[in-house]
Amino acid sequence: MKNLAIGYARVSTWEQAAEGFSLGAQRGVIEAYCRIKGLVLTEIVEDAGVSAARPLAQRPGGSRLMALVESGRIGHVVFARLDRGFRNASDCLSTIETWRKRGITVHFCDLGGSALDTESPHGRFLLCVLAAVSEMERNLISERTKNVLSFKRQNGQIYGPTPFGYKVEGNRLRPAPEEMQVLAIIKRMREEGHSLRAIAATLNANGIPTKRGGRKWAPETVRKLLTRA
């Protein structure tokens, strides 16, 4: 059991397209690392199209990984990178500490340009530092993104998918009269006490298209429009 390892790979749809760090690339990195370290890789658990915002235990593949660790049949867990496994420093450190008490060593094939494992106190110390730095970087990126989107939204600039009720003219957003009328109907029906399901059914019954031209409204779509309106 001491040499048995399980790998974990995750990618979101955007990352797979934009960064090229695909599941296949992660598998290759994990397999090569295990060969070098003399670990017997029994399986690589994957989460495809799953956001890092979800805790590891709440992802389909992550949940299976947890179950395999709990089974007591492996001694090592291998990630290609820190951000493939954990959403923040707290999630990372608490999970790894729980695993350490079970005798599990965690490996990161690429952490700050070099490999790292939690077998030694030195490795665990470096992980604490790098996990905190990684979380700070994600928070800074998130904050900058929110500020940019807020500025563009307030100034009528394009900031992503064209929201319902607007159309694109040049690099500006302009009101789309027909869609604004639909928004008014949705808000009025909600104010009158109609459920989201009833509003969606009414829109579908009247053949009102969605933003993408579809003919199928869902209660969740209505809810999102009301939240943004």
C-alpha atoms as a PDB file:
ATOM      1  CA  MET A   1       0.000   0.000   0.000  1.00  0.00           C
ATOM      2  CA  LYS A   2       2.870   2.392   0.746  1.00  0.00           C
ATOM      3  CA  ASN A   3       3.748   2.734  -2.960  1.00  0.00           C
ATOM      4  CA  LEU A   4       0.202   2.731  -4.319  1.00  0.00           C
ATOM      5  CA  ALA A   5      -0.883   6.116  -5.660  1.00  0.00           C
ATOM      6  CA  ILE A   6      -3.988   7.669  -7.142  1.00  0.00           C
ATOM      7  CA  GLY A   7      -3.900  10.728  -9.404  1.00  0.00           C
ATOM      8  CA  TYR A   8      -6.433  13.518  -9.792  1.00  0.00           C
ATOM      9  CA  ALA A   9      -6.983  15.760 -12.817  1.00  0.00           C
ATOM     10  CA  ARG A  10      -9.479  18.581 -13.315  1.00  0.00           C
ATOM     11  CA  VAL A  11     -10.220  21.062 -16.036  1.00  0.00           C
ATOM     12  CA  SER A  12     -13.015  23.514 -16.707  1.00  0.00           C
ATOM     13  CA  THR A  13     -14.332  23.997 -20.238  1.00  0.00           C
ATOM     14  CA  TRP A  14     -12.771  27.485 -20.483  1.00  0.00           C
ATOM     15  CA  GLU A  15      -9.376  26.344 -19.222  1.00  0.00           C
ATOM     16  CA  GLN A  16      -9.266  23.396 -21.588  1.00  0.00           C
ATOM     17  CA  ALA A  17      -9.890  25.672 -24.549  1.00  0.00           C
ATOM     18  CA  ALA A  18      -7.803  28.673 -23.489  1.00  0.00           C
ATOM     19  CA  GLU A  19      -4.844  27.227 -21.608  1.00  0.00           C
ATOM     20  CA  GLY A  20      -4.440  23.849 -23.246  1.00  0.00           C
ATOM     21  CA  PHE A  21      -3.760  22.203 -19.860  1.00  0.00           C
ATOM     22  CA  SER A  22      -6.121  19.400 -20.823  1.00  0.00           C
ATOM     23  CA  LEU A  23      -6.956  16.248 -18.929  1.00  0.00           C
ATOM     24  CA  GLY A  24      -4.623  14.384 -21.256  1.00  0.00           C
ATOM     25  CA  ALA A  25      -1.750  16.735 -20.447  1.00  0.00           C
ATOM     26  CA  GLN A  26      -2.356  16.341 -16.723  1.00  0.00           C
ATOM     27  CA  ARG A  27      -2.479  12.574 -17.024  1.00  0.00           C
ATOM     28  CA  GLY A  28       0.879  12.641 -18.798  1.00  0.00           C
ATOM     29  CA  VAL A  29       2.459  14.775 -16.077  1.00  0.00           C
ATOM     30  CA  ILE A  30       1.085  12.583 -13.287  1.00  0.00           C
ATOM     31  CA  GLU A  31       2.166   9.330 -14.973  1.00  0.00           C
ATOM     32  CA  ALA A  32       5.692  10.628 -15.603  1.00  0.00           C
ATOM     33  CA  TYR A  33       6.008  11.866 -12.010  1.00  0.00           C
ATOM     34  CA  CYS A  34       4.924   8.512 -10.577  1.00  0.00           C
ATOM     35  CA  ARG A  35       7.451   6.671 -12.727  1.00  0.00           C
ATOM     36  CA  ILE A  36      10.251   8.935 -11.511  1.00  0.00           C
ATOM     37  CA  LYS A  37       9.203   8.576  -7.852  1.00  0.00           C
ATOM     38  CA  GLY A  38       8.713   4.822  -8.080  1.00  0.00           C
ATOM     39  CA  LEU A  39       4.994   5.032  -7.257  1.00  0.00           C
ATOM     40  CA  VAL A  40       2.492   2.489  -8.552  1.00  0.00           C
ATOM     41  CA  LEU A  41      -0.288   4.580 -10.123  1.00  0.00           C
ATOM     42  CA  THR A  42      -3.532   2.624  -9.747  1.00  0.00           C
ATOM     43  CA  GLU A  43      -5.947   5.185 -11.235  1.00  0.00           C
ATOM     44  CA  ILE A  44      -6.349   8.806 -12.283  1.00  0.00           C
ATOM     45  CA  VAL A  45      -9.671  10.279 -11.180  1.00  0.00           C
ATOM     46  CA  GLU A  46     -10.928  13.072 -13.447  1.00  0.00           C
ATOM     47  CA  ASP A  47     -13.351  15.992 -13.220  1.00  0.00           C
ATOM     48  CA  ALA A  48     -14.111  17.453 -16.652  1.00  0.00           C
ATOM     49  CA  GLY A  49     -15.760  20.855 -16.909  1.00  0.00           C
ATOM     50  CA  VAL A  50     -15.824  21.386 -13.136  1.00  0.00           C
ATOM     51  CA  SER A  51     -14.989  24.778 -11.647  1.00  0.00           C
ATOM     52  CA  ALA A  52     -12.269  25.133  -9.028  1.00  0.00           C
ATOM     53  CA  ALA A  53     -14.783  27.116  -6.978  1.00  0.00           C
ATOM     54  CA  ARG A  54     -16.362  23.823  -5.876  1.00  0.00           C
ATOM     55  CA  PRO A  55     -14.638  22.131  -2.918  1.00  0.00           C
ATOM     56  CA  LEU A  56     -12.867  18.926  -3.833  1.00  0.00           C
ATOM     57  CA  ALA A  57     -15.313  16.747  -1.888  1.00  0.00           C
ATOM     58  CA  GLN A  58     -18.301  18.248  -3.748  1.00  0.00           C
ATOM     59  CA  ARG A  59     -17.034  17.384  -7.242  1.00  0.00           C
ATOM     60  CA  PRO A  60     -18.025  14.056  -8.840  1.00  0.00           C
ATOM     61  CA  GLY A  61     -14.429  12.933  -9.309  1.00  0.00           C
ATOM     62  CA  GLY A  62     -13.313  14.590  -6.090  1.00  0.00           C
ATOM     63  CA  SER A  63     -15.933  12.669  -4.144  1.00  0.00           C
ATOM     64  CA  ARG A  64     -14.632   9.418  -5.618  1.00  0.00           C
ATOM     65  CA  LEU A  65     -11.082  10.439  -4.738  1.00  0.00           C
ATOM     66  CA  MET A  66     -12.144  11.011  -1.131  1.00  0.00           C
ATOM     67  CA  ALA A  67     -13.789   7.592  -1.016  1.00  0.00           C
ATOM     68  CA  LEU A  68     -10.659   5.894  -2.359  1.00  0.00           C
ATOM     69  CA  VAL A  69      -8.531   7.651   0.260  1.00  0.00           C
ATOM     70  CA  GLU A  70     -10.975   6.604   2.984  1.00  0.00           C
ATOM     71  CA  SER A  71     -10.718   2.996   1.834  1.00  0.00           C
ATOM     72  CA  GLY A  72      -7.169   2.869   3.176  1.00  0.00           C
ATOM     73  CA  ARG A  73      -5.842   1.083   0.094  1.00  0.00           C
ATOM     74  CA  ILE A  74      -3.490   3.826  -1.146  1.00  0.00           C
ATOM     75  CA  GLY A  75      -0.589   5.743   0.306  1.00  0.00           C
ATOM     76  CA  HIS A  76      -0.225   8.679  -2.103  1.00  0.00           C
ATOM     77  CA  VAL A  77      -2.388  11.241  -3.926  1.00  0.00           C
ATOM     78  CA  VAL A  78      -0.835  13.018  -6.921  1.00  0.00           C
ATOM     79  CA  PHE A  79      -2.000  16.313  -8.459  1.00  0.00           C
ATOM     80  CA  ALA A  80      -0.486  17.943 -11.538  1.00  0.00           C
ATOM     81  CA  ARG A  81      -0.808  21.377  -9.900  1.00  0.00           C
ATOM     82  CA  LEU A  82      -2.215  22.867  -6.716  1.00  0.00           C
ATOM     83  CA  ASP A  83      -5.068  24.689  -8.477  1.00  0.00           C
ATOM     84  CA  ARG A  84      -6.308  21.408 -10.000  1.00  0.00           C
ATOM     85  CA  GLY A  85      -7.297  20.125  -6.591  1.00  0.00           C
ATOM     86  CA  PHE A  86      -8.284  22.875  -4.203  1.00  0.00           C
ATOM     87  CA  ARG A  87     -10.325  26.074  -4.297  1.00  0.00           C
ATOM     88  CA  ASN A  88      -8.468  27.932  -1.512  1.00  0.00           C
ATOM     89  CA  ALA A  89      -5.777  27.567   1.144  1.00  0.00           C
ATOM     90  CA  SER A  90      -8.211  26.454   3.841  1.00  0.00           C
ATOM     91  CA  ASP A  91      -9.685  23.687   1.683  1.00  0.00           C
ATOM     92  CA  CYS A  92      -6.197  22.551   0.708  1.00  0.00           C
ATOM     93  CA  LEU A  93      -4.544  22.546   4.117  1.00  0.00           C
ATOM     94  CA  SER A  94      -7.447  21.039   6.072  1.00  0.00           C
ATOM     95  CA  THR A  95      -7.886  18.219   3.553  1.00  0.00           C
ATOM     96  CA  ILE A  96      -4.177  17.442   3.397  1.00  0.00           C
ATOM     97  CA  GLU A  97      -3.862  17.489   7.195  1.00  0.00           C
ATOM     98  CA  THR A  98      -6.706  14.970   7.448  1.00  0.00           C
ATOM     99  CA  TRP A  99      -4.972  12.773   4.884  1.00  0.00           C
ATOM    100  CA  ARG A 100      -1.600  13.135   6.644  1.00  0.00           C
ATOM    101  CA  LYS A 101      -3.100  11.724   9.835  1.00  0.00           C
ATOM    102  CA  ARG A 102      -4.164   8.706   7.772  1.00  0.00           C
ATOM    103  CA  GLY A 103      -0.628   8.257   6.502  1.00  0.00           C
ATOM    104  CA  ILE A 104      -1.315   9.690   3.029  1.00  0.00           C
ATOM    105  CA  THR A 105       1.415  11.688   1.273  1.00  0.00           C
ATOM    106  CA  VAL A 106       0.219  14.327  -1.206  1.00  0.00           C
ATOM    107  CA  HIS A 107       2.293  15.233  -4.250  1.00  0.00           C
ATOM    108  CA  PHE A 108       2.162  18.224  -6.605  1.00  0.00           C
ATOM    109  CA  CYS A 109       4.062  17.676  -9.837  1.00  0.00           C
ATOM    110  CA  ASP A 110       4.357  21.400 -10.546  1.00  0.00           C
ATOM    111  CA  LEU A 111       4.150  23.797  -7.625  1.00  0.00           C
ATOM    112  CA  GLY A 112       5.922  27.047  -8.331  1.00  0.00           C
ATOM    113  CA  GLY A 113       8.053  25.420 -11.034  1.00  0.00           C
ATOM    114  CA  SER A 114       9.163  22.363  -9.034  1.00  0.00           C
ATOM    115  CA  ALA A 115       7.637  19.254  -7.505  1.00  0.00           C
ATOM    116  CA  LEU A 116       6.612  19.106  -3.848  1.00  0.00           C
ATOM    117  CA  ASP A 117       5.297  16.449  -1.481  1.00  0.00           C
ATOM    118  CA  THR A 118       3.978  16.573   2.084  1.00  0.00           C
ATOM    119  CA  GLU A 119       6.097  13.751   3.473  1.00  0.00           C
ATOM    120  CA  SER A 120       8.562  16.077   5.203  1.00  0.00           C
ATOM    121  CA  PRO A 121       7.965  19.056   7.552  1.00  0.00           C
ATOM    122  CA  HIS A 122       9.827  21.211   5.021  1.00  0.00           C
ATOM    123  CA  GLY A 123       7.431  20.204   2.254  1.00  0.00           C
ATOM    124  CA  ARG A 124       4.380  20.873   4.428  1.00  0.00           C
ATOM    125  CA  PHE A 125       5.735  24.309   5.366  1.00  0.00           C
ATOM    126  CA  LEU A 126       6.307  25.259   1.731  1.00  0.00           C
ATOM    127  CA  LEU A 127       2.820  24.057   0.856  1.00  0.00           C
ATOM    128  CA  CYS A 128       1.282  26.349   3.503  1.00  0.00           C
ATOM    129  CA  VAL A 129       3.129  29.349   2.070  1.00  0.00           C
ATOM    130  CA  LEU A 130       2.402  28.574  -1.583  1.00  0.00           C
ATOM    131  CA  ALA A 131      -1.254  27.739  -0.939  1.00  0.00           C
ATOM    132  CA  ALA A 132      -1.735  31.140   0.735  1.00  0.00           C
ATOM    133  CA  VAL A 133       0.042  32.932  -2.119  1.00  0.00           C
ATOM    134  CA  SER A 134      -2.056  31.085  -4.703  1.00  0.00           C
ATOM    135  CA  GLU A 135      -5.274  32.059  -2.944  1.00  0.00           C
ATOM    136  CA  MET A 136      -4.183  35.703  -2.734  1.00  0.00           C
ATOM    137  CA  GLU A 137      -3.437  35.745  -6.479  1.00  0.00           C
ATOM    138  CA  ARG A 138      -6.859  34.281  -7.312  1.00  0.00           C
ATOM    139  CA  ASN A 139      -8.578  36.825  -5.067  1.00  0.00           C
ATOM    140  CA  LEU A 140      -6.694  39.720  -6.680  1.00  0.00           C
ATOM    141  CA  ILE A 141      -7.596  38.503 -10.175  1.00  0.00           C
ATOM    142  CA  SER A 142     -11.238  38.101  -9.140  1.00  0.00           C
ATOM    143  CA  GLU A 143     -11.355  41.590  -7.652  1.00  0.00           C
ATOM    144  CA  ARG A 144      -9.788  43.174 -10.743  1.00  0.00           C
ATOM    145  CA  THR A 145     -12.218  41.316 -12.998  1.00  0.00           C
ATOM    146  CA  LYS A 146     -15.214  42.483 -10.966  1.00  0.00           C
ATOM    147  CA  ASN A 147     -14.012  46.096 -11.092  1.00  0.00           C
ATOM    148  CA  VAL A 148     -13.525  45.995 -14.872  1.00  0.00           C
ATOM    149  CA  LEU A 149     -16.934  44.408 -15.474  1.00  0.00           C
ATOM    150  CA  SER A 150     -18.604  46.905 -13.155  1.00  0.00           C
ATOM    151  CA  PHE A 151     -16.998  49.834 -14.987  1.00  0.00           C
ATOM    152  CA  LYS A 152     -18.023  48.493 -18.406  1.00  0.00           C
ATOM    153  CA  ARG A 153     -21.558  47.752 -17.252  1.00  0.00           C
ATOM    154  CA  GLN A 154     -21.991  51.262 -15.807  1.00  0.00           C
ATOM    155  CA  ASN A 155     -20.672  52.816 -19.004  1.00  0.00           C
ATOM    156  CA  GLY A 156     -22.753  50.723 -21.394  1.00  0.00           C
ATOM    157  CA  GLN A 157     -19.761  48.849 -22.778  1.00  0.00           C
ATOM    158  CA  ILE A 158     -19.676  45.204 -23.838  1.00  0.00           C
ATOM    159  CA  TYR A 159     -18.567  43.073 -20.901  1.00  0.00           C
ATOM    160  CA  GLY A 160     -19.442  39.500 -21.860  1.00  0.00           C
ATOM    161  CA  PRO A 161     -22.430  37.698 -23.365  1.00  0.00           C
ATOM    162  CA  THR A 162     -25.016  40.255 -24.433  1.00  0.00           C
ATOM    163  CA  PRO A 163     -27.563  40.441 -21.595  1.00  0.00           C
ATOM    164  CA  PHE A 164     -31.264  39.989 -22.313  1.00  0.00           C
ATOM    165  CA  GLY A 165     -32.831  43.371 -23.012  1.00  0.00           C
ATOM    166  CA  TYR A 166     -29.822  44.754 -24.869  1.00  0.00           C
ATOM    167  CA  LYS A 167     -28.138  44.552 -28.280  1.00  0.00           C
ATOM    168  CA  VAL A 168     -24.629  45.351 -29.454  1.00  0.00           C
ATOM    169  CA  GLU A 169     -23.961  48.393 -31.593  1.00  0.00           C
ATOM    170  CA  GLY A 170     -20.271  48.828 -32.296  1.00  0.00           C
ATOM    171  CA  ASN A 171     -18.631  48.354 -28.913  1.00  0.00           C
ATOM    172  CA  ARG A 172     -21.626  49.599 -26.919  1.00  0.00           C
ATOM    173  CA  LEU A 173     -24.733  48.026 -25.471  1.00  0.00           C
ATOM    174  CA  ARG A 174     -28.044  49.559 -26.483  1.00  0.00           C
ATOM    175  CA  PRO A 175     -31.562  48.714 -25.249  1.00  0.00           C
ATOM    176  CA  ALA A 176     -33.435  46.184 -27.407  1.00  0.00           C
ATOM    177  CA  PRO A 177     -37.079  47.427 -27.290  1.00  0.00           C
ATOM    178  CA  GLU A 178     -38.741  44.043 -27.884  1.00  0.00           C
ATOM    179  CA  GLU A 179     -36.689  42.323 -25.205  1.00  0.00           C
ATOM    180  CA  MET A 180     -37.274  45.210 -22.806  1.00  0.00           C
ATOM    181  CA  GLN A 181     -41.014  44.639 -23.258  1.00  0.00           C
ATOM    182  CA  VAL A 182     -40.558  40.973 -22.369  1.00  0.00           C
ATOM    183  CA  LEU A 183     -38.590  41.970 -19.265  1.00  0.00           C
ATOM    184  CA  ALA A 184     -41.415  44.301 -18.263  1.00  0.00           C
ATOM    185  CA  ILE A 185     -43.926  41.459 -18.617  1.00  0.00           C
ATOM    186  CA  ILE A 186     -41.758  39.139 -16.527  1.00  0.00           C
ATOM    187  CA  LYS A 187     -41.369  41.717 -13.740  1.00  0.00           C
ATOM    188  CA  ARG A 188     -45.072  42.548 -13.752  1.00  0.00           C
ATOM    189  CA  MET A 189     -46.087  38.878 -13.527  1.00  0.00           C
ATOM    190  CA  ARG A 190     -43.659  38.345 -10.659  1.00  0.00           C
ATOM    191  CA  GLU A 191     -45.013  41.369  -8.817  1.00  0.00           C
ATOM    192  CA  GLU A 192     -48.503  39.905  -9.255  1.00  0.00           C
ATOM    193  CA  GLY A 193     -47.385  36.764  -7.448  1.00  0.00           C
ATOM    194  CA  HIS A 194     -46.850  34.350 -10.348  1.00  0.00           C
ATOM    195  CA  SER A 195     -44.276  31.608  -9.812  1.00  0.00           C
ATOM    196  CA  LEU A 196     -41.129  31.338 -11.915  1.00  0.00           C
ATOM    197  CA  ARG A 197     -42.537  28.166 -13.469  1.00  0.00           C
ATOM    198  CA  ALA A 198     -45.788  29.920 -14.402  1.00  0.00           C
ATOM    199  CA  ILE A 199     -43.906  32.842 -15.979  1.00  0.00           C
ATOM    200  CA  ALA A 200     -41.719  30.468 -18.015  1.00  0.00           C
ATOM    201  CA  ALA A 201     -44.819  28.543 -19.153  1.00  0.00           C
ATOM    202  CA  THR A 202     -46.505  31.773 -20.263  1.00  0.00           C
ATOM    203  CA  LEU A 203     -43.482  32.845 -22.296  1.00  0.00           C
ATOM    204  CA  ASN A 204     -43.278  29.416 -23.924  1.00  0.00           C
ATOM    205  CA  ALA A 205     -47.012  29.344 -24.671  1.00  0.00           C
ATOM    206  CA  ASN A 206     -46.767  32.706 -26.452  1.00  0.00           C
ATOM    207  CA  GLY A 207     -43.772  31.630 -28.547  1.00  0.00           C
ATOM    208  CA  ILE A 208     -41.464  34.293 -27.131  1.00  0.00           C
ATOM    209  CA  PRO A 209     -37.860  33.371 -28.024  1.00  0.00           C
ATOM    210  CA  THR A 210     -35.027  33.322 -25.530  1.00  0.00           C
ATOM    211  CA  LYS A 211     -31.905  35.426 -26.039  1.00  0.00           C
ATOM    212  CA  ARG A 212     -30.344  32.707 -28.166  1.00  0.00           C
ATOM    213  CA  GLY A 213     -33.460  32.265 -30.254  1.00  0.00           C
ATOM    214  CA  GLY A 214     -34.724  29.138 -28.526  1.00  0.00           C
ATOM    215  CA  ARG A 215     -38.374  28.539 -27.721  1.00  0.00           C
ATOM    216  CA  LYS A 216     -37.890  26.938 -24.317  1.00  0.00           C
ATOM    217  CA  TRP A 217     -37.869  29.105 -21.202  1.00  0.00           C
ATOM    218  CA  ALA A 218     -36.937  27.538 -17.873  1.00  0.00           C
ATOM    219  CA  PRO A 219     -37.770  28.820 -14.369  1.00  0.00           C
ATOM    220  CA  GLU A 220     -34.053  29.237 -13.651  1.00  0.00           C
ATOM    221  CA  THR A 221     -33.663  31.458 -16.722  1.00  0.00           C
ATOM    222  CA  VAL A 222     -36.500  33.664 -15.482  1.00  0.00           C
ATOM    223  CA  ARG A 223     -34.940  33.840 -12.023  1.00  0.00           C
ATOM    224  CA  LYS A 224     -31.593  35.004 -13.442  1.00  0.00           C
ATOM    225  CA  LEU A 225     -33.267  37.728 -15.506  1.00  0.00           C
ATOM    226  CA  LEU A 226     -35.130  39.018 -12.464  1.00  0.00           C
ATOM    227  CA  THR A 227     -31.919  39.031 -10.437  1.00  0.00           C
ATOM    228  CA  ARG A 228     -30.076  41.077 -13.061  1.00  0.00           C
ATOM    229  CA  ALA A 229     -32.963  43.387 -13.901  1.00  0.00           C
END
